[in-house]
Amino acid sequence: MSERLYAFISRHRHSIEAALEERLPLSSQPYAWRLNEAIRYAVFPGGKRWRPMLTLLGAELVDAPAQNALLAACAVEFLHTSSIIFDDLPAMDDADVRRGIPSLHRVFGESLALLAGLALLNQSYALLARAAQERGDGQTAARLIEEAAKCIGSDGMIGGQTVDLVLQGTGHWLNSLYSRNLKTTALMRLTMMAGAIAGGADEDDDAALADFGESLGMAYQICDDLLDELGASDELGKPVKQDSRHNRSNYVSELGIEGARRLAASLIEEGIAVLRERFVARREVDLLSDAAVMILQDAGTQALITA
């Protein structure tokens, strides 16, 4: 990790954790304490918090107010957490481990896991609306909620999960992978845009961040496929060879290890080039470049990136 990226993460880590704690969607109902335990278990301890960090970086790049960006960052992290709760359920990927500990449904049961995921998803919408409304601009709030609904909806994460389920056991190949990977790319697009939109960024800025988010999301998914094939469960904190277990195609099975690595690297180069064209030599572009390389590092891809 570069020193400048380490400094950025160190500067924001505590504020992100504190904001997540403050905004947990905990129930005040007398018999809902078990739901509250499930929500805390799902959110803390979290992973590397890449998504809220990237939301803050995207917001800083367009000089969006820090408080708006922090609310949007919490929304993105709650949305991400809800997506992995749903993804791990027996009806979906049927994963027993997440972040190195038993997955939520293995500890609290499927019903509470589903309800915890829905509570976090619902809270993400509320926080996005609040982040935009702090500018006193209802139009910005509507725009941000619309973007979030697009990310989550039938042509976004939900659509991607549907394709993922349909393709299980079919061995279907490359031309279906884009749709399946909407689970990852749609969320990364929102991750990059949320803080910027909440802060009132113009549409050209939003478009550049969206393009970078989609490139990073696709590269992230390719590297996740690489790690699923090459990694070890105890190192990754989640099951490996899930695609093989479900007999579904991924970028490694279609392109080979080196082909997948090269595609991931080229996507990152394209995304960074878009940022440099729009924002030129801003410090945040360098930090996003560093973050992209760091995210891909474990899959052995970083050496191929020249941007």
Protein backbone atom coordinates (compact mmCIF):
# COMPACT_ATOMS: atom_id res chain seq x y z
CA MET A 1 0.00 0.00 0.00
CA SER A 2 1.32 3.45 -0.89
CA GLU A 3 2.06 5.85 1.96
CA ARG A 4 -0.42 8.40 0.65
CA LEU A 5 -3.24 5.84 0.50
CA TYR A 6 -2.34 4.52 3.95
CA ALA A 7 -2.50 8.08 5.29
CA PHE A 8 -5.93 8.63 3.74
CA ILE A 9 -7.32 5.37 5.15
CA SER A 10 -5.83 6.06 8.59
CA ARG A 11 -7.36 9.55 8.59
CA HIS A 12 -10.87 8.31 7.81
CA ARG A 13 -11.09 4.83 9.36
CA HIS A 14 -12.25 5.95 12.80
CA SER A 15 -14.85 8.38 11.46
CA ILE A 16 -16.30 5.69 9.18
CA GLU A 17 -16.54 3.14 12.00
CA ALA A 18 -18.08 5.70 14.36
CA ALA A 19 -20.59 6.83 11.73
CA LEU A 20 -21.60 3.23 10.98
CA GLU A 21 -22.14 2.59 14.68
CA GLU A 22 -24.19 5.77 15.10
CA ARG A 23 -26.42 4.99 12.11
CA LEU A 24 -27.07 1.28 12.62
CA PRO A 25 -30.77 0.59 11.95
CA LEU A 26 -31.40 -0.88 15.40
CA SER A 27 -34.93 -1.65 16.51
CA SER A 28 -36.45 -0.10 19.62
CA GLN A 29 -39.04 -2.88 19.86
CA PRO A 30 -38.88 -4.87 23.15
CA TYR A 31 -38.52 -8.30 21.53
CA ALA A 32 -36.21 -7.33 18.66
CA TRP A 33 -32.90 -7.60 20.55
CA ARG A 34 -31.90 -10.67 18.54
CA LEU A 35 -32.38 -8.70 15.30
CA ASN A 36 -30.14 -5.98 16.68
CA GLU A 37 -27.48 -8.55 17.52
CA ALA A 38 -27.68 -9.89 13.96
CA ILE A 39 -27.28 -6.40 12.47
CA ARG A 40 -24.21 -5.71 14.61
CA TYR A 41 -22.74 -9.10 13.76
CA ALA A 42 -23.14 -8.38 10.06
CA VAL A 43 -21.59 -4.90 10.15
CA PHE A 44 -18.86 -5.29 12.81
CA PRO A 45 -16.12 -6.15 12.38
CA GLY A 46 -16.35 -5.28 8.72
CA GLY A 47 -13.90 -6.05 5.97
CA LYS A 48 -11.43 -3.52 4.65
CA ARG A 49 -14.17 -0.89 4.20
CA TRP A 50 -13.03 -0.29 0.63
CA ARG A 51 -16.42 0.91 -0.53
CA PRO A 52 -16.95 3.71 2.01
CA MET A 53 -13.33 4.78 1.51
CA LEU A 54 -13.91 4.97 -2.24
CA THR A 55 -17.12 6.94 -1.70
CA LEU A 56 -15.19 9.49 0.35
CA LEU A 57 -12.49 9.68 -2.31
CA GLY A 58 -15.04 10.23 -5.05
CA ALA A 59 -16.61 13.01 -3.01
CA GLU A 60 -13.27 14.68 -2.28
CA LEU A 61 -12.44 14.59 -5.97
CA VAL A 62 -15.38 16.92 -6.70
CA ASP A 63 -15.00 18.95 -3.47
CA ALA A 64 -18.25 17.63 -1.99
CA PRO A 65 -18.92 18.45 1.70
CA ALA A 66 -17.43 15.87 4.06
CA GLN A 67 -20.60 15.33 6.10
CA ASN A 68 -22.69 14.57 3.03
CA ALA A 69 -20.03 12.17 1.83
CA LEU A 70 -19.84 10.34 5.17
CA LEU A 71 -23.59 9.71 5.19
CA ALA A 72 -23.36 8.39 1.63
CA ALA A 73 -20.39 6.21 2.60
CA CYS A 74 -22.41 4.63 5.43
CA ALA A 75 -25.28 4.01 3.02
CA VAL A 76 -22.97 2.26 0.58
CA GLU A 77 -21.47 0.06 3.30
CA PHE A 78 -24.90 -0.94 4.62
CA LEU A 79 -26.01 -1.72 1.08
CA HIS A 80 -22.89 -3.82 0.49
CA THR A 81 -23.40 -5.68 3.77
CA SER A 82 -27.02 -6.42 2.91
CA SER A 83 -25.95 -7.79 -0.48
CA ILE A 84 -23.48 -10.25 1.04
CA ILE A 85 -26.05 -11.37 3.62
CA PHE A 86 -28.44 -12.21 0.78
CA ASP A 87 -25.67 -13.70 -1.36
CA ASP A 88 -24.65 -16.13 1.40
CA LEU A 89 -28.15 -17.52 1.99
CA PRO A 90 -28.77 -21.20 1.15
CA ALA A 91 -31.18 -20.15 -1.59
CA MET A 92 -28.39 -18.11 -3.22
CA ASP A 93 -24.69 -19.06 -2.93
CA ASP A 94 -25.13 -21.15 0.23
CA ALA A 95 -21.91 -19.93 1.88
CA ASP A 96 -21.07 -20.90 5.45
CA VAL A 97 -18.24 -18.40 6.05
CA ARG A 98 -17.88 -14.67 5.50
CA ARG A 99 -15.04 -12.38 6.61
CA GLY A 100 -13.43 -15.31 8.38
CA ILE A 101 -16.40 -16.04 10.66
CA PRO A 102 -19.62 -18.05 10.22
CA SER A 103 -21.99 -16.30 7.82
CA LEU A 104 -24.94 -14.51 9.36
CA HIS A 105 -27.59 -17.14 8.63
CA ARG A 106 -25.41 -19.86 10.17
CA VAL A 107 -25.43 -18.00 13.50
CA PHE A 108 -28.85 -16.34 13.58
CA GLY A 109 -30.90 -18.46 11.17
CA GLU A 110 -32.20 -17.63 7.73
CA SER A 111 -35.22 -15.61 8.88
CA LEU A 112 -33.26 -13.17 11.02
CA ALA A 113 -30.51 -12.94 8.40
CA LEU A 114 -33.09 -11.95 5.81
CA LEU A 115 -34.65 -9.36 8.13
CA ALA A 116 -31.24 -7.92 9.07
CA GLY A 117 -30.36 -7.59 5.40
CA LEU A 118 -33.64 -5.82 4.68
CA ALA A 119 -33.12 -3.45 7.62
CA LEU A 120 -29.68 -2.48 6.31
CA LEU A 121 -30.94 -2.07 2.75
CA ASN A 122 -33.81 0.12 3.94
CA GLN A 123 -31.42 2.24 6.01
CA SER A 124 -29.19 2.79 3.00
CA TYR A 125 -32.01 4.56 1.16
CA ALA A 126 -32.76 6.73 4.20
CA LEU A 127 -29.12 7.76 4.57
CA LEU A 128 -28.74 8.58 0.89
CA ALA A 129 -31.82 10.81 1.05
CA ARG A 130 -30.49 12.54 4.15
CA ALA A 131 -27.05 13.02 2.59
CA ALA A 132 -28.58 14.82 -0.38
CA GLN A 133 -31.16 16.78 1.61
CA GLU A 134 -28.47 18.31 3.83
CA ARG A 135 -27.75 20.55 0.85
CA GLY A 136 -31.34 21.76 1.02
CA ASP A 137 -31.88 20.47 -2.53
CA GLY A 138 -34.75 18.06 -3.07
CA GLN A 139 -33.79 17.55 -6.70
CA THR A 140 -30.39 16.16 -5.68
CA ALA A 141 -32.06 13.78 -3.23
CA ALA A 142 -34.37 12.48 -5.94
CA ARG A 143 -31.46 12.02 -8.32
CA LEU A 144 -29.41 10.08 -5.76
CA ILE A 145 -32.28 7.80 -4.75
CA GLU A 146 -33.03 7.13 -8.40
CA GLU A 147 -29.38 6.17 -8.99
CA ALA A 148 -29.44 3.88 -5.95
CA ALA A 149 -32.66 2.20 -7.10
CA LYS A 150 -31.11 1.67 -10.52
CA CYS A 151 -28.03 0.10 -8.90
CA ILE A 152 -30.07 -2.23 -6.71
CA GLY A 153 -32.92 -3.02 -9.07
CA SER A 154 -33.83 -5.47 -11.79
CA ASP A 155 -31.17 -4.14 -14.18
CA GLY A 156 -28.60 -3.87 -11.39
CA MET A 157 -27.74 -6.05 -8.40
CA ILE A 158 -31.06 -7.91 -8.34
CA GLY A 159 -30.86 -8.61 -12.06
CA GLY A 160 -27.27 -9.76 -11.70
CA GLN A 161 -28.16 -12.14 -8.86
CA THR A 162 -31.02 -13.50 -10.96
CA VAL A 163 -28.71 -14.26 -13.88
CA ASP A 164 -26.25 -15.83 -11.41
CA LEU A 165 -28.97 -18.19 -10.16
CA VAL A 166 -30.23 -19.04 -13.64
CA LEU A 167 -26.72 -19.89 -14.84
CA GLN A 168 -25.92 -22.20 -11.94
CA GLY A 169 -25.37 -25.68 -13.29
CA THR A 170 -25.43 -24.58 -16.93
CA GLY A 171 -21.72 -23.90 -17.48
CA HIS A 172 -22.84 -20.89 -19.52
CA TRP A 173 -20.07 -18.77 -20.91
CA LEU A 174 -18.61 -15.37 -21.57
CA ASN A 175 -21.51 -13.51 -23.20
CA SER A 176 -23.58 -14.01 -20.01
CA LEU A 177 -20.90 -12.89 -17.56
CA TYR A 178 -21.54 -9.16 -17.90
CA SER A 179 -25.13 -9.56 -16.68
CA ARG A 180 -24.15 -11.89 -13.87
CA ASN A 181 -21.48 -9.45 -12.69
CA LEU A 182 -23.94 -6.58 -12.30
CA LYS A 183 -23.97 -7.60 -8.64
CA THR A 184 -20.48 -6.14 -8.39
CA THR A 185 -20.29 -3.50 -11.09
CA ALA A 186 -23.58 -1.76 -10.25
CA LEU A 187 -22.61 -1.39 -6.60
CA MET A 188 -19.14 -0.08 -7.46
CA ARG A 189 -20.69 2.47 -9.80
CA LEU A 190 -22.91 3.74 -6.97
CA THR A 191 -19.97 3.61 -4.57
CA MET A 192 -18.02 6.05 -6.71
CA MET A 193 -20.95 8.36 -7.44
CA ALA A 194 -22.90 8.52 -4.17
CA GLY A 195 -20.86 11.06 -2.24
CA ALA A 196 -20.31 13.20 -5.32
CA ILE A 197 -24.01 13.34 -6.22
CA ALA A 198 -24.93 14.07 -2.60
CA GLY A 199 -22.50 16.99 -2.69
CA GLY A 200 -23.99 18.45 -5.86
CA ALA A 201 -21.40 17.39 -8.44
CA ASP A 202 -22.19 18.22 -12.04
CA GLU A 203 -23.20 15.55 -14.53
CA ASP A 204 -19.82 15.40 -16.30
CA ASP A 205 -18.08 14.69 -13.01
CA ASP A 206 -20.68 12.06 -12.19
CA ALA A 207 -20.22 10.42 -15.58
CA ALA A 208 -16.44 10.13 -15.13
CA LEU A 209 -16.86 8.62 -11.67
CA ALA A 210 -19.51 6.22 -13.00
CA ASP A 211 -17.20 5.06 -15.78
CA PHE A 212 -14.37 4.50 -13.34
CA GLY A 213 -16.71 2.66 -10.96
CA GLU A 214 -17.88 0.30 -13.68
CA SER A 215 -14.30 -0.42 -14.79
CA LEU A 216 -13.17 -0.98 -11.22
CA GLY A 217 -16.21 -3.13 -10.47
CA MET A 218 -15.62 -5.38 -13.45
CA ALA A 219 -11.91 -5.67 -12.64
CA TYR A 220 -12.79 -6.43 -9.01
CA GLN A 221 -15.13 -9.22 -10.12
CA ILE A 222 -12.47 -10.70 -12.40
CA CYS A 223 -10.01 -10.74 -9.53
CA ASP A 224 -12.65 -12.25 -7.27
CA ASP A 225 -12.95 -15.03 -9.87
CA LEU A 226 -9.17 -15.43 -9.78
CA LEU A 227 -9.15 -15.65 -6.00
CA ASP A 228 -12.06 -18.10 -6.05
CA GLU A 229 -9.94 -20.32 -8.28
CA LEU A 230 -6.48 -19.76 -6.78
CA GLY A 231 -7.03 -18.60 -3.19
CA ALA A 232 -7.44 -20.40 0.12
CA SER A 233 -10.50 -20.10 2.36
CA ASP A 234 -8.49 -19.38 5.51
CA GLU A 235 -6.75 -16.47 3.80
CA LEU A 236 -9.80 -14.98 2.11
CA GLY A 237 -12.25 -15.47 4.97
CA LYS A 238 -14.86 -17.04 2.69
CA PRO A 239 -15.34 -20.27 0.73
CA VAL A 240 -13.36 -20.76 -2.49
CA LYS A 241 -14.16 -22.64 -5.70
CA GLN A 242 -17.78 -21.55 -5.40
CA ASP A 243 -18.12 -21.20 -9.16
CA SER A 244 -16.88 -24.74 -9.70
CA ARG A 245 -19.24 -26.01 -7.01
CA HIS A 246 -22.19 -24.37 -8.73
CA ASN A 247 -20.93 -25.31 -12.22
CA ARG A 248 -21.03 -21.74 -13.51
CA SER A 249 -18.65 -19.98 -15.82
CA ASN A 250 -16.37 -17.14 -14.79
CA TYR A 251 -13.57 -15.10 -16.35
CA VAL A 252 -10.91 -17.60 -15.33
CA SER A 253 -12.69 -20.55 -16.93
CA GLU A 254 -13.30 -18.54 -20.11
CA LEU A 255 -10.05 -16.59 -20.47
CA GLY A 256 -7.54 -18.53 -18.39
CA ILE A 257 -5.58 -17.12 -15.46
CA GLU A 258 -3.31 -14.80 -17.46
CA GLY A 259 -6.11 -13.69 -19.77
CA ALA A 260 -8.28 -12.77 -16.79
CA ARG A 261 -5.43 -10.87 -15.15
CA ARG A 262 -4.72 -8.90 -18.30
CA LEU A 263 -8.36 -7.98 -18.78
CA ALA A 264 -8.60 -6.75 -15.18
CA ALA A 265 -5.47 -4.64 -15.63
CA SER A 266 -6.70 -3.14 -18.89
CA LEU A 267 -10.04 -2.21 -17.30
CA ILE A 268 -8.26 -0.37 -14.51
CA GLU A 269 -6.06 1.47 -17.00
CA GLU A 270 -9.15 2.56 -18.93
CA GLY A 271 -10.93 3.72 -15.78
CA ILE A 272 -7.96 5.73 -14.52
CA ALA A 273 -7.51 7.29 -17.97
CA VAL A 274 -11.12 8.56 -17.78
CA LEU A 275 -10.43 10.16 -14.39
CA ARG A 276 -7.20 11.77 -15.58
CA GLU A 277 -8.92 13.20 -18.63
CA ARG A 278 -11.67 14.73 -16.52
CA PHE A 279 -9.80 15.73 -13.36
CA VAL A 280 -6.21 15.97 -14.66
CA ALA A 281 -3.60 15.82 -11.87
CA ARG A 282 -5.69 15.99 -8.73
CA ARG A 283 -4.34 14.15 -5.71
CA GLU A 284 -7.52 12.11 -5.40
CA VAL A 285 -6.99 10.57 -8.85
CA ASP A 286 -3.62 9.28 -7.67
CA LEU A 287 -5.26 7.88 -4.54
CA LEU A 288 -7.96 6.14 -6.58
CA SER A 289 -5.25 4.69 -8.80
CA ASP A 290 -3.43 3.43 -5.70
CA ALA A 291 -6.66 1.98 -4.31
CA ALA A 292 -7.40 0.16 -7.56
CA VAL A 293 -3.95 -1.41 -7.59
CA MET A 294 -4.27 -2.36 -3.91
CA ILE A 295 -7.67 -3.97 -4.41
CA LEU A 296 -6.31 -6.06 -7.28
CA GLN A 297 -2.99 -6.86 -5.65
CA ASP A 298 -3.97 -10.15 -4.05
CA ALA A 299 -4.91 -11.57 -7.43
CA GLY A 300 -1.42 -10.93 -8.79
CA THR A 301 -2.66 -8.35 -11.28
CA GLN A 302 -0.94 -5.16 -10.14
CA ALA A 303 2.29 -5.76 -12.05
CA LEU A 304 0.36 -5.50 -15.32
CA ILE A 305 -1.01 -2.02 -14.59
CA THR A 306 0.90 0.89 -16.09
CA ALA A 307 -1.51 3.78 -15.58
